[in-house]
Amino acid sequence: MRVALEKLPGVDSARVSLNDGYADIAFAPGNTLTVAQLREAIRKNGFTPRDARATVRGRVVAGEGGGLILEAPGAGRFALGGERAALERMRPLAADGGATALEGTVPEKEPGTLRLGRLR
C-alpha cells in the first residue's frame, strides 16, 4: 500500500500501518491530488478508506446561505462544518480572505466537507 501511495503524483512520502488501519501521507508542495483520488487508490489496492484527518491550506470565503468554504488551490473546495465555536472563529478569515491552514476530518461519506474539531 505504501508503494502504491508514493507512486501517486503529488505524494512526497507515505507511512502505512495495515495493523492499525492508517496511512500518514505527506504531500509535495503544489500537489493537486484530491481526497477522492487517494481514496480511489486505496480501493484499487483492496482496502476500504475511512474518514481522513487532514491539514488543508487555502482561503476561507463566505459561501451561499452564510456557510463557510475553504478554497484549497489544486485540492478543490471544502464546505466547513463541525463545532460551532470553531466555525465562528473562522468568520473573520472569510471577511478578509486570508490564507490559513486548517486541521479537521474529511468524512468518507462527505468528501467535500472539512469538519473542524473542538477548540482547545
Protein backbone atom coordinates (compact mmCIF):
# COMPACT_ATOMS: atom_id res chain seq x y z
CA MET A 1 0.00 0.00 0.00
CA ARG A 2 2.83 2.41 0.84
CA VAL A 3 4.46 1.93 -2.55
CA ALA A 4 1.15 2.47 -4.37
CA LEU A 5 0.52 5.71 -2.47
CA GLU A 6 4.03 7.01 -3.07
CA LYS A 7 3.59 6.47 -6.83
CA LEU A 8 0.68 8.94 -6.91
CA PRO A 9 1.60 12.33 -8.37
CA GLY A 10 1.92 14.86 -5.58
CA VAL A 11 2.72 12.39 -2.79
CA ASP A 12 6.09 13.08 -1.18
CA SER A 13 6.04 10.15 1.24
CA ALA A 14 3.67 7.70 2.92
CA ARG A 15 3.77 5.68 6.13
CA VAL A 16 1.25 2.86 6.34
CA SER A 17 0.21 0.61 9.20
CA LEU A 18 -2.06 -2.18 7.98
CA ASN A 19 -2.42 -3.48 11.56
CA ASP A 20 -3.68 -0.13 12.84
CA GLY A 21 -5.53 0.75 9.63
CA TYR A 22 -3.99 4.11 8.78
CA ALA A 23 -1.82 5.87 6.25
CA ASP A 24 0.11 9.05 7.03
CA ILE A 25 0.72 10.85 3.74
CA ALA A 26 2.96 13.89 3.18
CA PHE A 27 2.30 15.86 0.02
CA ALA A 28 4.80 17.67 -2.15
CA PRO A 29 4.41 21.45 -2.42
CA GLY A 30 1.99 22.42 -5.17
CA ASN A 31 0.34 18.99 -5.37
CA THR A 32 -3.14 18.72 -6.90
CA LEU A 33 -4.11 15.30 -5.57
CA THR A 34 -7.63 15.16 -4.14
CA VAL A 35 -9.03 13.13 -1.26
CA ALA A 36 -11.24 11.31 -3.79
CA GLN A 37 -8.17 10.27 -5.82
CA LEU A 38 -6.44 8.99 -2.67
CA ARG A 39 -9.50 7.00 -1.67
CA GLU A 40 -9.76 5.50 -5.15
CA ALA A 41 -6.11 4.37 -4.99
CA ILE A 42 -6.80 2.76 -1.61
CA ARG A 43 -9.83 0.92 -3.03
CA LYS A 44 -7.86 -0.28 -6.09
CA ASN A 45 -5.38 -1.88 -3.69
CA GLY A 46 -8.12 -3.85 -1.94
CA PHE A 47 -8.65 -1.68 1.13
CA THR A 48 -11.60 0.34 2.40
CA PRO A 49 -10.91 4.03 3.03
CA ARG A 50 -12.28 5.71 6.14
CA ASP A 51 -12.59 9.27 7.38
CA ALA A 52 -9.38 11.22 6.72
CA ARG A 53 -7.72 13.57 9.18
CA ALA A 54 -6.24 16.39 7.15
CA THR A 55 -4.47 19.71 7.29
CA VAL A 56 -5.68 21.77 4.35
CA ARG A 57 -4.17 25.10 3.27
CA GLY A 58 -6.31 27.65 1.49
CA ARG A 59 -8.53 30.71 1.83
CA VAL A 60 -11.71 30.83 3.90
CA VAL A 61 -14.54 32.51 2.00
CA ALA A 62 -18.24 33.04 2.62
CA GLY A 63 -20.45 30.56 0.81
CA GLU A 64 -24.08 30.75 -0.20
CA GLY A 65 -26.51 30.74 2.71
CA GLY A 66 -23.93 32.04 5.18
CA GLY A 67 -21.79 28.90 5.28
CA LEU A 68 -18.02 28.95 5.07
CA ILE A 69 -15.89 27.42 2.33
CA LEU A 70 -12.16 26.62 2.32
CA GLU A 71 -10.78 27.11 -1.18
CA ALA A 72 -7.65 24.96 -1.46
CA PRO A 73 -5.72 25.52 -4.70
CA GLY A 74 -5.34 22.22 -6.50
CA ALA A 75 -7.36 20.27 -3.93
CA GLY A 76 -10.73 21.91 -4.51
CA ARG A 77 -13.30 23.48 -2.23
CA PHE A 78 -14.37 22.18 1.17
CA ALA A 79 -17.54 23.22 2.99
CA LEU A 80 -16.53 23.87 6.58
CA GLY A 81 -18.50 22.00 9.21
CA GLY A 82 -18.07 20.87 12.78
CA GLU A 83 -18.07 22.56 16.16
CA ARG A 84 -19.96 25.87 16.19
CA ALA A 85 -17.24 27.70 18.16
CA ALA A 86 -14.58 26.60 15.68
CA LEU A 87 -16.69 27.79 12.75
CA GLU A 88 -17.39 31.16 14.36
CA ARG A 89 -13.67 31.64 14.81
CA MET A 90 -13.24 31.25 11.02
CA ARG A 91 -15.67 34.09 10.14
CA PRO A 92 -13.06 36.89 10.42
CA LEU A 93 -10.83 34.98 8.00
CA ALA A 94 -13.69 34.89 5.48
CA ALA A 95 -14.10 38.65 5.83
CA ASP A 96 -10.50 39.41 4.88
CA GLY A 97 -9.88 36.40 2.58
CA GLY A 98 -6.73 35.47 4.46
CA ALA A 99 -4.83 32.28 3.77
CA THR A 100 -4.73 29.70 6.52
CA ALA A 101 -4.13 26.03 7.30
CA LEU A 102 -6.99 24.20 8.97
CA GLU A 103 -6.99 20.80 10.65
CA GLY A 104 -10.06 18.63 10.57
CA THR A 105 -11.68 15.48 9.26
CA VAL A 106 -12.82 14.78 5.71
CA PRO A 107 -15.61 12.23 6.24
CA GLU A 108 -15.79 9.24 3.89
CA LYS A 109 -19.48 9.94 3.29
CA GLU A 110 -19.00 13.73 2.87
CA PRO A 111 -15.82 14.10 0.79
CA GLY A 112 -16.44 17.80 0.09
CA THR A 113 -16.55 18.74 3.78
CA LEU A 114 -13.79 19.59 6.23
CA ARG A 115 -15.15 19.10 9.77
CA LEU A 116 -13.31 21.24 12.28
CA GLY A 117 -12.80 19.85 15.77
CA ARG A 118 -13.31 21.28 19.21
CA LEU A 119 -11.19 24.29 20.07
CA ARG A 120 -8.63 23.82 22.82
